[in-house]
């Protein structure tokens, strides 16, 4: 069914308010899922919102600083909602980066948030380079293996330009595990040669999936391993099969102030020029346009906002209504 985009956002906010969150908190949480849904990242949109609702009552409060070295801060997340914890981290990260030129914040013991790109964009808005990665429960195989050991270990990087920032947001696996939920609600087949069953054979049946492969064979595996350590042992979070719940997962936030090296306007102009060269470069015969990371999502979002409506499965809409009508 089609639904007005603003009405969809209001529904998500109202569900959260009915569960006891303030209007401000509800907007922070809902905005990320809503933004993902209207930007074409449906694996991290409404379906994921409904899945994560079950954990909201487990929160204890704001994150607590347990190590403070100025440019490096370690936090105990106190089982905070992922989006509220991410906002806390990014605000502190920006403040410390202004002070020291660069900063790193590590946190665990929080609930999940969704797409990293949403959060790394907030860093770019402040004319800073942003880097975010996190681990997760064992889900991906290593190159040559068939059993899950590493997480999907996504990475997001934002680079300021004079216009829209460059936003790289990707898992180190061929697909995120949220694709399983998406495939069920949106009745989409799983991608071929991506997910493995218990025998190590490729499967497109969500009920048989036991693991997902890294992209790029040993290269993706190598990146996944590095990001696991950055968001794991480096910040005193668990890794591999030591991760028993989402509260064991580590999250790594870093920002760099380009103005340390040169005037920010000059930095942006150089990035603009590189983007211009990339966009104007020779293309294969069947390629109409070369995109910059994050550009496709921006185009999808702009079109949906212009149309003022978005399609979501009836089943998802019915589940949203059920949440609204539940007594709390």
Protein backbone atom coordinates (compact mmCIF):
# COMPACT_ATOMS: atom_id res chain seq x y z
CA UNK A 1 0.00 0.00 0.00
CA UNK A 2 0.99 3.63 -0.44
CA UNK A 3 1.34 5.90 2.56
CA UNK A 4 2.19 9.57 2.93
CA UNK A 5 5.85 9.87 3.92
CA UNK A 6 5.16 12.33 6.73
CA UNK A 7 2.30 10.19 8.01
CA UNK A 8 4.69 7.23 8.16
CA UNK A 9 7.15 9.25 10.22
CA UNK A 10 4.34 10.36 12.55
CA UNK A 11 3.24 6.75 13.05
CA UNK A 12 6.76 5.69 14.10
CA UNK A 13 7.02 8.64 16.50
CA UNK A 14 3.56 7.99 17.99
CA UNK A 15 4.38 4.33 18.64
CA UNK A 16 7.47 5.37 20.58
CA UNK A 17 5.66 8.09 22.53
CA UNK A 18 3.00 5.54 23.52
CA UNK A 19 5.84 3.37 24.84
CA UNK A 20 6.94 6.14 27.18
CA UNK A 21 9.53 8.10 25.24
CA UNK A 22 9.49 11.89 25.11
CA UNK A 23 8.63 13.50 21.78
CA UNK A 24 12.28 14.51 21.36
CA UNK A 25 13.56 10.99 22.06
CA UNK A 26 10.92 9.45 19.80
CA UNK A 27 11.95 11.72 16.91
CA UNK A 28 15.63 10.82 17.30
CA UNK A 29 14.85 7.09 17.21
CA UNK A 30 12.19 7.23 14.49
CA UNK A 31 14.08 9.57 12.15
CA UNK A 32 16.83 7.06 11.48
CA UNK A 33 14.46 4.23 10.49
CA UNK A 34 12.27 6.62 8.48
CA UNK A 35 15.27 8.08 6.66
CA UNK A 36 16.47 4.58 5.76
CA UNK A 37 13.06 3.59 4.45
CA UNK A 38 12.68 6.62 2.18
CA UNK A 39 16.32 6.43 1.00
CA UNK A 40 15.95 2.94 -0.42
CA UNK A 41 17.65 1.20 2.52
CA UNK A 42 14.59 -0.85 3.38
CA UNK A 43 16.69 -3.49 5.12
CA UNK A 44 17.23 -0.87 7.85
CA UNK A 45 13.82 0.81 7.71
CA UNK A 46 10.36 0.05 9.06
CA UNK A 47 10.84 -3.72 9.25
CA UNK A 48 13.93 -3.27 11.43
CA UNK A 49 12.10 -0.68 13.54
CA UNK A 50 9.41 -3.25 14.37
CA UNK A 51 12.01 -5.89 15.18
CA UNK A 52 13.94 -3.66 17.59
CA UNK A 53 10.82 -2.48 19.48
CA UNK A 54 10.95 -5.57 21.69
CA UNK A 55 14.17 -4.41 23.37
CA UNK A 56 13.22 -0.81 24.21
CA UNK A 57 12.14 -1.55 27.78
CA UNK A 58 15.61 -2.91 28.67
CA UNK A 59 17.30 0.51 28.68
CA UNK A 60 18.85 1.75 31.94
CA UNK A 61 19.74 5.32 30.98
CA UNK A 62 22.41 7.50 29.40
CA UNK A 63 25.88 6.15 28.57
CA UNK A 64 28.56 6.65 31.23
CA UNK A 65 32.17 7.65 30.64
CA UNK A 66 34.52 5.01 32.05
CA UNK A 67 37.77 6.26 30.45
CA UNK A 68 38.57 9.83 29.42
CA UNK A 69 41.90 10.70 27.83
CA UNK A 70 40.70 13.85 26.09
CA UNK A 71 40.80 12.82 22.45
CA UNK A 72 39.94 9.21 23.37
CA UNK A 73 36.83 8.30 25.36
CA UNK A 74 35.40 4.92 26.33
CA UNK A 75 31.75 4.60 27.33
CA UNK A 76 29.55 2.05 29.03
CA UNK A 77 26.32 2.34 27.07
CA UNK A 78 24.11 1.38 30.03
CA UNK A 79 21.79 -0.56 27.66
CA UNK A 80 20.71 2.73 26.07
CA UNK A 81 18.60 2.75 22.90
CA UNK A 82 20.99 2.59 19.93
CA UNK A 83 19.91 5.87 18.34
CA UNK A 84 20.04 7.80 21.62
CA UNK A 85 23.48 6.35 22.36
CA UNK A 86 24.71 7.20 18.85
CA UNK A 87 23.53 10.79 19.21
CA UNK A 88 25.29 11.05 22.58
CA UNK A 89 28.52 9.67 21.08
CA UNK A 90 28.46 11.94 18.04
CA UNK A 91 27.81 15.09 20.04
CA UNK A 92 30.72 14.24 22.35
CA UNK A 93 32.87 13.23 19.36
CA UNK A 94 32.32 16.55 17.59
CA UNK A 95 33.11 18.49 20.76
CA UNK A 96 36.36 16.60 21.37
CA UNK A 97 37.41 16.81 17.71
CA UNK A 98 37.04 20.60 17.86
CA UNK A 99 39.35 20.55 20.87
CA UNK A 100 41.99 18.08 19.70
CA UNK A 101 41.72 17.93 15.89
CA UNK A 102 40.73 14.29 15.98
CA UNK A 103 38.90 12.07 18.47
CA UNK A 104 37.86 8.46 18.98
CA UNK A 105 34.94 7.23 21.05
CA UNK A 106 34.27 3.58 21.83
CA UNK A 107 31.07 2.23 23.34
CA UNK A 108 29.38 -1.08 24.03
CA UNK A 109 26.47 -2.31 26.15
CA UNK A 110 23.90 -0.51 23.99
CA UNK A 111 20.97 -1.59 21.87
CA UNK A 112 21.31 -1.67 18.09
CA UNK A 113 20.84 1.27 15.81
CA UNK A 114 20.32 0.95 12.06
CA UNK A 115 22.20 2.45 9.11
CA UNK A 116 25.62 3.90 9.97
CA UNK A 117 25.36 6.34 7.06
CA UNK A 118 22.65 8.30 8.85
CA UNK A 119 24.98 8.97 11.77
CA UNK A 120 28.18 9.60 9.86
CA UNK A 121 26.31 12.25 7.88
CA UNK A 122 25.80 14.22 11.11
CA UNK A 123 29.57 14.43 11.47
CA UNK A 124 30.04 15.69 7.89
CA UNK A 125 27.48 18.44 8.54
CA UNK A 126 29.99 19.90 10.98
CA UNK A 127 32.74 19.97 8.30
CA UNK A 128 34.48 16.95 9.82
CA UNK A 129 35.48 13.61 8.35
CA UNK A 130 33.54 10.86 10.09
CA UNK A 131 34.31 7.16 10.46
CA UNK A 132 32.00 4.68 12.17
CA UNK A 133 32.24 0.91 12.39
CA UNK A 134 30.86 -1.78 14.64
CA UNK A 135 31.02 -5.51 15.18
CA UNK A 136 28.06 -7.84 15.61
CA UNK A 137 27.24 -11.42 16.49
CA UNK A 138 29.06 -14.06 14.38
CA UNK A 139 27.36 -14.03 11.00
CA UNK A 140 29.99 -14.08 8.26
CA UNK A 141 32.38 -16.77 7.17
CA UNK A 142 36.08 -16.14 6.70
CA UNK A 143 37.67 -16.68 3.30
CA UNK A 144 37.77 -20.43 2.72
CA UNK A 145 35.47 -21.23 5.67
CA UNK A 146 31.78 -22.13 5.92
CA UNK A 147 30.86 -21.34 9.53
CA UNK A 148 30.02 -17.88 10.93
CA UNK A 149 32.85 -16.32 12.94
CA UNK A 150 33.03 -12.57 12.23
CA UNK A 151 30.21 -10.04 12.21
CA UNK A 152 28.95 -8.29 9.10
CA UNK A 153 31.10 -5.45 10.48
CA UNK A 154 29.85 -2.43 8.53
CA UNK A 155 31.87 0.70 7.87
CA UNK A 156 30.66 4.22 7.14
CA UNK A 157 32.82 7.19 6.16
CA UNK A 158 31.71 10.75 5.44
CA UNK A 159 33.76 13.38 3.62
CA UNK A 160 32.63 17.02 3.44
CA UNK A 161 32.36 18.74 0.05
CA UNK A 162 30.93 22.10 -1.02
CA UNK A 163 27.61 20.36 -1.71
CA UNK A 164 26.48 16.97 -0.43
CA UNK A 165 29.05 14.98 1.52
CA UNK A 166 30.48 11.73 0.21
CA UNK A 167 28.80 9.00 2.28
CA UNK A 168 30.21 5.50 2.08
CA UNK A 169 28.02 3.07 4.05
CA UNK A 170 28.51 -0.64 3.54
CA UNK A 171 28.74 -3.99 5.26
CA UNK A 172 31.87 -6.06 4.76
CA UNK A 173 29.57 -8.98 3.97
CA UNK A 174 27.89 -9.44 0.58
CA UNK A 175 24.61 -8.44 2.24
CA UNK A 176 23.53 -7.51 5.75
CA UNK A 177 21.65 -10.03 7.88
CA UNK A 178 18.76 -7.54 7.89
CA UNK A 179 18.21 -8.68 4.31
CA UNK A 180 16.56 -11.81 5.74
CA UNK A 181 13.86 -9.74 7.44
CA UNK A 182 13.49 -7.55 4.37
CA UNK A 183 13.05 -10.57 2.08
CA UNK A 184 10.22 -11.90 4.22
CA UNK A 185 8.23 -8.65 4.43
CA UNK A 186 8.89 -7.45 0.89
CA UNK A 187 8.69 -10.93 -0.68
CA UNK A 188 12.08 -10.50 -2.32
CA UNK A 189 14.43 -13.38 -3.10
CA UNK A 190 17.74 -13.48 -1.34
CA UNK A 191 20.65 -12.63 -3.66
CA UNK A 192 22.36 -15.60 -5.30
CA UNK A 193 25.69 -16.92 -4.01
CA UNK A 194 25.56 -14.78 -0.89
CA UNK A 195 24.07 -16.72 2.03
CA UNK A 196 25.07 -20.22 3.20
CA UNK A 197 23.12 -23.00 4.89
CA UNK A 198 24.40 -25.29 7.67
CA UNK A 199 26.18 -27.46 5.08
CA UNK A 200 28.05 -24.53 3.59
CA UNK A 201 25.93 -24.53 0.44
CA UNK A 202 24.44 -21.40 -1.08
CA UNK A 203 20.77 -20.87 -0.25
CA UNK A 204 18.07 -18.34 -1.11
CA UNK A 205 15.73 -19.66 1.60
CA UNK A 206 15.78 -17.27 4.62
CA UNK A 207 14.80 -20.10 6.99
CA UNK A 208 17.92 -22.08 6.05
CA UNK A 209 20.50 -19.29 6.32
CA UNK A 210 23.31 -19.91 8.81
CA UNK A 211 25.93 -17.49 7.51
CA UNK A 212 26.76 -14.87 4.89
CA UNK A 213 29.96 -14.51 2.89
CA UNK A 214 32.24 -11.46 2.89
CA UNK A 215 32.45 -9.48 -0.34
CA UNK A 216 35.67 -9.56 -2.34
CA UNK A 217 36.91 -12.92 -1.05
CA UNK A 218 40.10 -12.45 1.05
CA UNK A 219 39.96 -8.65 0.67
CA UNK A 220 36.54 -8.29 2.28
CA UNK A 221 37.53 -10.84 4.90
CA UNK A 222 40.64 -8.80 5.72
CA UNK A 223 38.66 -5.59 6.09
CA UNK A 224 36.07 -7.34 8.25
CA UNK A 225 38.76 -8.67 10.55
CA UNK A 226 40.31 -5.21 10.99
CA UNK A 227 36.96 -3.54 11.69
CA UNK A 228 36.13 -6.32 14.18
CA UNK A 229 39.28 -5.48 16.13
CA UNK A 230 38.73 -1.69 15.98
CA UNK A 231 35.25 -2.14 17.42
CA UNK A 232 36.24 -5.08 19.60
CA UNK A 233 39.45 -5.62 21.54
CA UNK A 234 40.64 -2.02 20.98
CA UNK A 235 37.68 -0.66 22.95
CA UNK A 236 37.39 -3.56 25.42
CA UNK A 237 34.40 -5.12 23.63
CA UNK A 238 33.97 -8.82 22.92
CA UNK A 239 34.66 -10.47 19.56
CA UNK A 240 33.77 -13.62 17.64
CA UNK A 241 31.98 -16.32 19.63
CA UNK A 242 32.51 -14.38 22.86
CA UNK A 243 29.63 -12.14 21.68
CA UNK A 244 26.50 -13.58 23.27
CA UNK A 245 24.07 -10.68 22.93
CA UNK A 246 23.73 -7.28 21.31
CA UNK A 247 25.09 -5.70 24.51
CA UNK A 248 28.48 -7.30 23.85
CA UNK A 249 28.81 -5.54 20.48
CA UNK A 250 31.33 -2.71 20.21
CA UNK A 251 30.91 0.58 18.31
CA UNK A 252 33.80 2.74 17.12
CA UNK A 253 33.36 6.45 16.28
CA UNK A 254 36.14 8.66 14.91
CA UNK A 255 36.27 12.17 13.51
CA UNK A 256 39.03 14.22 11.92
CA UNK A 257 39.04 18.00 11.45
CA UNK A 258 40.40 18.74 7.93
CA UNK A 259 41.04 22.36 8.88
CA UNK A 260 44.09 21.18 10.85
CA UNK A 261 45.84 20.59 7.54
CA UNK A 262 44.39 23.35 5.38
CA UNK A 263 41.54 25.80 5.03
CA UNK A 264 38.24 23.91 5.02
CA UNK A 265 37.05 25.66 1.86
CA UNK A 266 40.19 24.61 0.01
CA UNK A 267 39.72 21.02 1.25
CA UNK A 268 36.16 20.99 -0.05
CA UNK A 269 37.17 22.50 -3.41
CA UNK A 270 39.71 19.73 -3.94
CA UNK A 271 37.07 17.13 -3.18
CA UNK A 272 34.65 18.86 -5.54
CA UNK A 273 37.22 18.74 -8.33
CA UNK A 274 37.87 15.04 -7.82
CA UNK A 275 34.14 14.31 -7.89
CA UNK A 276 33.81 16.38 -11.08
CA UNK A 277 36.58 14.34 -12.72
CA UNK A 278 34.99 11.05 -11.64
CA UNK A 279 31.55 12.06 -12.92
CA UNK A 280 33.03 13.17 -16.26
CA UNK A 281 35.22 10.10 -16.72
CA UNK A 282 34.70 7.69 -19.62
CA UNK A 283 31.92 5.15 -19.06
CA UNK A 284 31.18 1.68 -20.32
CA UNK A 285 28.61 1.62 -23.17
CA UNK A 286 25.79 0.40 -20.92
CA UNK A 287 26.48 2.88 -18.08
CA UNK A 288 24.47 6.11 -18.18
CA UNK A 289 25.91 7.75 -15.09
CA UNK A 290 28.72 7.25 -12.59
CA UNK A 291 27.60 7.74 -9.01
CA UNK A 292 29.48 8.95 -5.96
CA UNK A 293 28.96 6.93 -2.74
CA UNK A 294 25.70 8.05 -1.13
CA UNK A 295 24.37 9.70 -4.29
CA UNK A 296 21.85 7.01 -5.25
CA UNK A 297 20.23 7.08 -1.81
CA UNK A 298 19.94 10.87 -2.06
CA UNK A 299 18.21 10.60 -5.46
CA UNK A 300 15.75 7.98 -4.16
CA UNK A 301 14.96 10.11 -1.10
CA UNK A 302 14.40 13.26 -3.15
CA UNK A 303 12.01 11.44 -5.50
CA UNK A 304 9.98 9.94 -2.67
CA UNK A 305 9.76 13.28 -0.86
CA UNK A 306 8.64 14.92 -4.10
CA UNK A 307 5.97 12.24 -4.60
CA UNK A 308 5.05 12.60 -0.89
CA UNK A 309 4.25 8.88 -0.67
CA UNK A 310 6.00 5.55 -0.33
CA UNK A 311 4.97 1.93 -0.80
CA UNK A 312 5.18 -0.43 2.16
CA UNK A 313 3.78 -3.97 2.40
CA UNK A 314 0.29 -4.33 3.88
CA UNK A 315 1.70 -6.70 6.49
CA UNK A 316 4.12 -4.04 7.74
CA UNK A 317 1.39 -1.40 7.86
CA UNK A 318 -0.89 -3.75 9.81
CA UNK A 319 1.88 -4.42 12.33
CA UNK A 320 2.41 -0.68 12.76
CA UNK A 321 -1.31 -0.23 13.41
CA UNK A 322 -1.24 -3.07 15.90
CA UNK A 323 1.51 -1.29 17.82
CA UNK A 324 -0.46 1.96 17.85
CA UNK A 325 -3.59 0.23 19.14
CA UNK A 326 -1.81 -1.79 21.83
CA UNK A 327 -2.46 -0.79 25.42
CA UNK A 328 0.66 0.35 27.30
